[in-house]
Amino acid sequence: MKNFFGLIIVVLLALGGYKAWNYYQSTYVGQDYYGVISEPLPEETTIKDDSGNALGKGFKYEVTAYDEDGNARQLKFDVITTGRDKNGSAYEAGTVMKFDASEKRIIKKSVIDMNDVPTNLVNKLQ
C-alpha cells in the first residue's frame, strides 16, 4: 500500500513538473520577430488593464512581423504615453522593430535599424 501511494506521488510530481515546464516555455521563452510600423497609424485611446481600469492614454498597435524563416505572425501591443504607467511614446510609420515574442506574449520590443534585419526579410518589411 505504501508503494502504491509513493508511486501516485511520483506520478503527480512528474505531471506537475511537466505542466510547469510547458507553461514556462510557452510564456517566457521567445523567438525573434521583425516588423515595421505601417500606415494607418492607430488613434490615441485610453489603455485599460484586464480589470477595465484606465492606465493612461496611448496607442494600440498591430504589426505583421516575420521570424527568421520568413513566417508571418500578427503581434499586438500597447504603448502608454501618459499617466502613471507611461512606458514609451508613439511610433512613426516606417519604424523598424525587433520583437522577442513567445506563444502567449511579447517579452521584449526594441526599435532597430533596417541594417539589423536579416537579409532574407528586408524585402518583406519594405
C-alpha atoms as a PDB file:
ATOM      1  CA  MET A   1       0.000   0.000   0.000  1.00  0.00           C
ATOM      2  CA  LYS A   2       2.881   2.388   0.797  1.00  0.00           C
ATOM      3  CA  ASN A   3       4.417   1.648  -2.585  1.00  0.00           C
ATOM      4  CA  PHE A   4       1.145   2.465  -4.328  1.00  0.00           C
ATOM      5  CA  PHE A   5       0.846   5.882  -2.637  1.00  0.00           C
ATOM      6  CA  GLY A   6       4.518   6.557  -3.306  1.00  0.00           C
ATOM      7  CA  LEU A   7       4.010   5.789  -6.983  1.00  0.00           C
ATOM      8  CA  ILE A   8       0.997   8.104  -7.168  1.00  0.00           C
ATOM      9  CA  ILE A   9       3.002  10.917  -5.544  1.00  0.00           C
ATOM     10  CA  VAL A  10       5.878  10.444  -8.000  1.00  0.00           C
ATOM     11  CA  VAL A  11       3.465  10.485 -10.967  1.00  0.00           C
ATOM     12  CA  LEU A  12       1.730  13.637  -9.674  1.00  0.00           C
ATOM     13  CA  LEU A  13       5.076  15.383  -9.139  1.00  0.00           C
ATOM     14  CA  ALA A  14       6.205  14.442 -12.649  1.00  0.00           C
ATOM     15  CA  LEU A  15       2.936  15.686 -14.148  1.00  0.00           C
ATOM     16  CA  GLY A  16       3.144  18.945 -12.172  1.00  0.00           C
ATOM     17  CA  GLY A  17       6.746  19.451 -13.261  1.00  0.00           C
ATOM     18  CA  TYR A  18       5.840  18.885 -16.901  1.00  0.00           C
ATOM     19  CA  LYS A  19       2.934  21.360 -16.687  1.00  0.00           C
ATOM     20  CA  ALA A  20       5.181  23.994 -15.067  1.00  0.00           C
ATOM     21  CA  TRP A  21       7.895  23.486 -17.712  1.00  0.00           C
ATOM     22  CA  ASN A  22       5.321  23.698 -20.530  1.00  0.00           C
ATOM     23  CA  TYR A  23       3.836  26.920 -19.095  1.00  0.00           C
ATOM     24  CA  TYR A  24       7.289  28.486 -18.777  1.00  0.00           C
ATOM     25  CA  GLN A  25       8.253  27.531 -22.340  1.00  0.00           C
ATOM     26  CA  SER A  26       5.066  28.925 -23.887  1.00  0.00           C
ATOM     27  CA  THR A  27       5.090  32.147 -21.835  1.00  0.00           C
ATOM     28  CA  TYR A  28       8.692  33.214 -21.228  1.00  0.00           C
ATOM     29  CA  VAL A  29      10.820  31.602 -23.963  1.00  0.00           C
ATOM     30  CA  GLY A  30      10.593  33.678 -27.117  1.00  0.00           C
ATOM     31  CA  GLN A  31      11.683  33.850 -30.706  1.00  0.00           C
ATOM     32  CA  ASP A  32      12.891  36.895 -32.666  1.00  0.00           C
ATOM     33  CA  TYR A  33      10.424  38.602 -34.998  1.00  0.00           C
ATOM     34  CA  TYR A  34      10.939  41.666 -37.184  1.00  0.00           C
ATOM     35  CA  GLY A  35       8.253  44.129 -38.242  1.00  0.00           C
ATOM     36  CA  VAL A  36       7.585  47.671 -39.436  1.00  0.00           C
ATOM     37  CA  ILE A  37       5.015  50.122 -38.087  1.00  0.00           C
ATOM     38  CA  SER A  38       2.825  50.885 -41.097  1.00  0.00           C
ATOM     39  CA  GLU A  39       0.002  53.215 -42.073  1.00  0.00           C
ATOM     40  CA  PRO A  40      -2.655  53.784 -40.940  1.00  0.00           C
ATOM     41  CA  LEU A  41      -1.324  54.669 -37.518  1.00  0.00           C
ATOM     42  CA  PRO A  42      -3.636  53.979 -34.575  1.00  0.00           C
ATOM     43  CA  GLU A  43      -5.627  56.769 -32.941  1.00  0.00           C
ATOM     44  CA  GLU A  44      -4.793  57.737 -29.369  1.00  0.00           C
ATOM     45  CA  THR A  45      -7.122  55.953 -26.964  1.00  0.00           C
ATOM     46  CA  THR A  46      -7.454  55.112 -23.287  1.00  0.00           C
ATOM     47  CA  ILE A  47      -5.459  51.977 -22.473  1.00  0.00           C
ATOM     48  CA  LYS A  48      -7.076  49.753 -19.847  1.00  0.00           C
ATOM     49  CA  ASP A  49      -5.819  46.770 -17.861  1.00  0.00           C
ATOM     50  CA  ASP A  50      -7.569  43.392 -17.761  1.00  0.00           C
ATOM     51  CA  SER A  51      -9.868  44.640 -14.983  1.00  0.00           C
ATOM     52  CA  GLY A  52     -11.009  47.648 -17.017  1.00  0.00           C
ATOM     53  CA  ASN A  53      -9.049  50.225 -15.007  1.00  0.00           C
ATOM     54  CA  ALA A  54      -7.586  53.072 -17.074  1.00  0.00           C
ATOM     55  CA  LEU A  55      -3.780  53.039 -17.244  1.00  0.00           C
ATOM     56  CA  GLY A  56      -3.423  56.199 -19.342  1.00  0.00           C
ATOM     57  CA  LYS A  57      -3.684  57.453 -22.898  1.00  0.00           C
ATOM     58  CA  GLY A  58      -1.790  55.588 -25.579  1.00  0.00           C
ATOM     59  CA  PHE A  59      -1.809  53.625 -28.795  1.00  0.00           C
ATOM     60  CA  LYS A  60      -2.772  50.049 -29.686  1.00  0.00           C
ATOM     61  CA  TYR A  61      -0.526  48.697 -32.431  1.00  0.00           C
ATOM     62  CA  GLU A  62      -0.939  45.633 -34.621  1.00  0.00           C
ATOM     63  CA  VAL A  63       2.135  44.660 -36.642  1.00  0.00           C
ATOM     64  CA  THR A  64       2.750  41.897 -39.146  1.00  0.00           C
ATOM     65  CA  ALA A  65       6.111  40.513 -38.050  1.00  0.00           C
ATOM     66  CA  TYR A  66       8.298  37.774 -39.508  1.00  0.00           C
ATOM     67  CA  ASP A  67      10.543  35.223 -37.859  1.00  0.00           C
ATOM     68  CA  GLU A  68      13.969  34.468 -39.318  1.00  0.00           C
ATOM     69  CA  ASP A  69      12.438  31.777 -41.561  1.00  0.00           C
ATOM     70  CA  GLY A  70      10.000  34.298 -43.077  1.00  0.00           C
ATOM     71  CA  ASN A  71       6.860  33.030 -41.323  1.00  0.00           C
ATOM     72  CA  ALA A  72       4.364  35.839 -40.650  1.00  0.00           C
ATOM     73  CA  ARG A  73       2.612  36.465 -37.350  1.00  0.00           C
ATOM     74  CA  GLN A  74       0.333  39.266 -36.145  1.00  0.00           C
ATOM     75  CA  LEU A  75       1.669  40.902 -32.980  1.00  0.00           C
ATOM     76  CA  LYS A  76      -0.438  43.291 -30.903  1.00  0.00           C
ATOM     77  CA  PHE A  77       0.947  45.633 -28.262  1.00  0.00           C
ATOM     78  CA  ASP A  78       0.091  48.848 -26.443  1.00  0.00           C
ATOM     79  CA  VAL A  79       2.206  51.908 -25.760  1.00  0.00           C
ATOM     80  CA  ILE A  80       1.040  54.068 -22.857  1.00  0.00           C
ATOM     81  CA  THR A  81       2.114  57.683 -23.440  1.00  0.00           C
ATOM     82  CA  THR A  82       0.570  59.455 -20.423  1.00  0.00           C
ATOM     83  CA  GLY A  83      -0.200  58.709 -16.814  1.00  0.00           C
ATOM     84  CA  ARG A  84       1.456  56.812 -14.010  1.00  0.00           C
ATOM     85  CA  ASP A  85       2.054  53.691 -16.144  1.00  0.00           C
ATOM     86  CA  LYS A  86       3.728  55.527 -19.052  1.00  0.00           C
ATOM     87  CA  ASN A  87       6.007  53.124 -20.937  1.00  0.00           C
ATOM     88  CA  GLY A  88       7.017  54.916 -24.125  1.00  0.00           C
ATOM     89  CA  SER A  89       5.972  57.245 -26.899  1.00  0.00           C
ATOM     90  CA  ALA A  90       4.134  56.855 -30.190  1.00  0.00           C
ATOM     91  CA  TYR A  91       5.949  55.173 -33.076  1.00  0.00           C
ATOM     92  CA  GLU A  92       6.108  56.790 -36.504  1.00  0.00           C
ATOM     93  CA  ALA A  93       5.191  54.954 -39.692  1.00  0.00           C
ATOM     94  CA  GLY A  94       8.235  53.141 -41.054  1.00  0.00           C
ATOM     95  CA  THR A  95       9.742  52.396 -37.632  1.00  0.00           C
ATOM     96  CA  VAL A  96      11.559  49.047 -37.820  1.00  0.00           C
ATOM     97  CA  MET A  97      11.135  46.892 -34.730  1.00  0.00           C
ATOM     98  CA  LYS A  98      12.524  43.676 -33.310  1.00  0.00           C
ATOM     99  CA  PHE A  99      10.298  41.630 -31.031  1.00  0.00           C
ATOM    100  CA  ASP A 100      11.124  38.761 -28.704  1.00  0.00           C
ATOM    101  CA  ALA A 101       7.747  37.004 -28.621  1.00  0.00           C
ATOM    102  CA  SER A 102       6.590  33.766 -27.023  1.00  0.00           C
ATOM    103  CA  GLU A 103       3.439  31.871 -27.950  1.00  0.00           C
ATOM    104  CA  LYS A 104       1.449  33.994 -25.489  1.00  0.00           C
ATOM    105  CA  ARG A 105       3.043  37.435 -25.298  1.00  0.00           C
ATOM    106  CA  ILE A 106       5.662  39.913 -26.416  1.00  0.00           C
ATOM    107  CA  ILE A 107       8.560  39.595 -23.995  1.00  0.00           C
ATOM    108  CA  LYS A 108      10.634  42.493 -25.336  1.00  0.00           C
ATOM    109  CA  LYS A 109      10.410  45.027 -28.145  1.00  0.00           C
ATOM    110  CA  SER A 110      13.016  47.429 -29.473  1.00  0.00           C
ATOM    111  CA  VAL A 111      13.490  49.874 -32.333  1.00  0.00           C
ATOM    112  CA  ILE A 112      16.266  48.814 -34.698  1.00  0.00           C
ATOM    113  CA  ASP A 113      17.822  49.924 -37.970  1.00  0.00           C
ATOM    114  CA  MET A 114      16.896  48.170 -41.226  1.00  0.00           C
ATOM    115  CA  ASN A 115      20.575  47.097 -41.447  1.00  0.00           C
ATOM    116  CA  ASP A 116      20.000  44.891 -38.372  1.00  0.00           C
ATOM    117  CA  VAL A 117      17.219  42.900 -40.077  1.00  0.00           C
ATOM    118  CA  PRO A 118      18.210  39.508 -41.558  1.00  0.00           C
ATOM    119  CA  THR A 119      18.779  39.924 -45.296  1.00  0.00           C
ATOM    120  CA  ASN A 120      16.077  37.411 -46.261  1.00  0.00           C
ATOM    121  CA  LEU A 121      13.424  39.579 -44.521  1.00  0.00           C
ATOM    122  CA  VAL A 122      14.351  43.032 -45.827  1.00  0.00           C
ATOM    123  CA  ASN A 123      12.073  42.774 -48.896  1.00  0.00           C
ATOM    124  CA  LYS A 124       9.114  41.632 -46.774  1.00  0.00           C
ATOM    125  CA  LEU A 125       9.458  44.639 -44.480  1.00  0.00           C
ATOM    126  CA  GLN A 126       9.693  47.313 -47.194  1.00  0.00           C
END
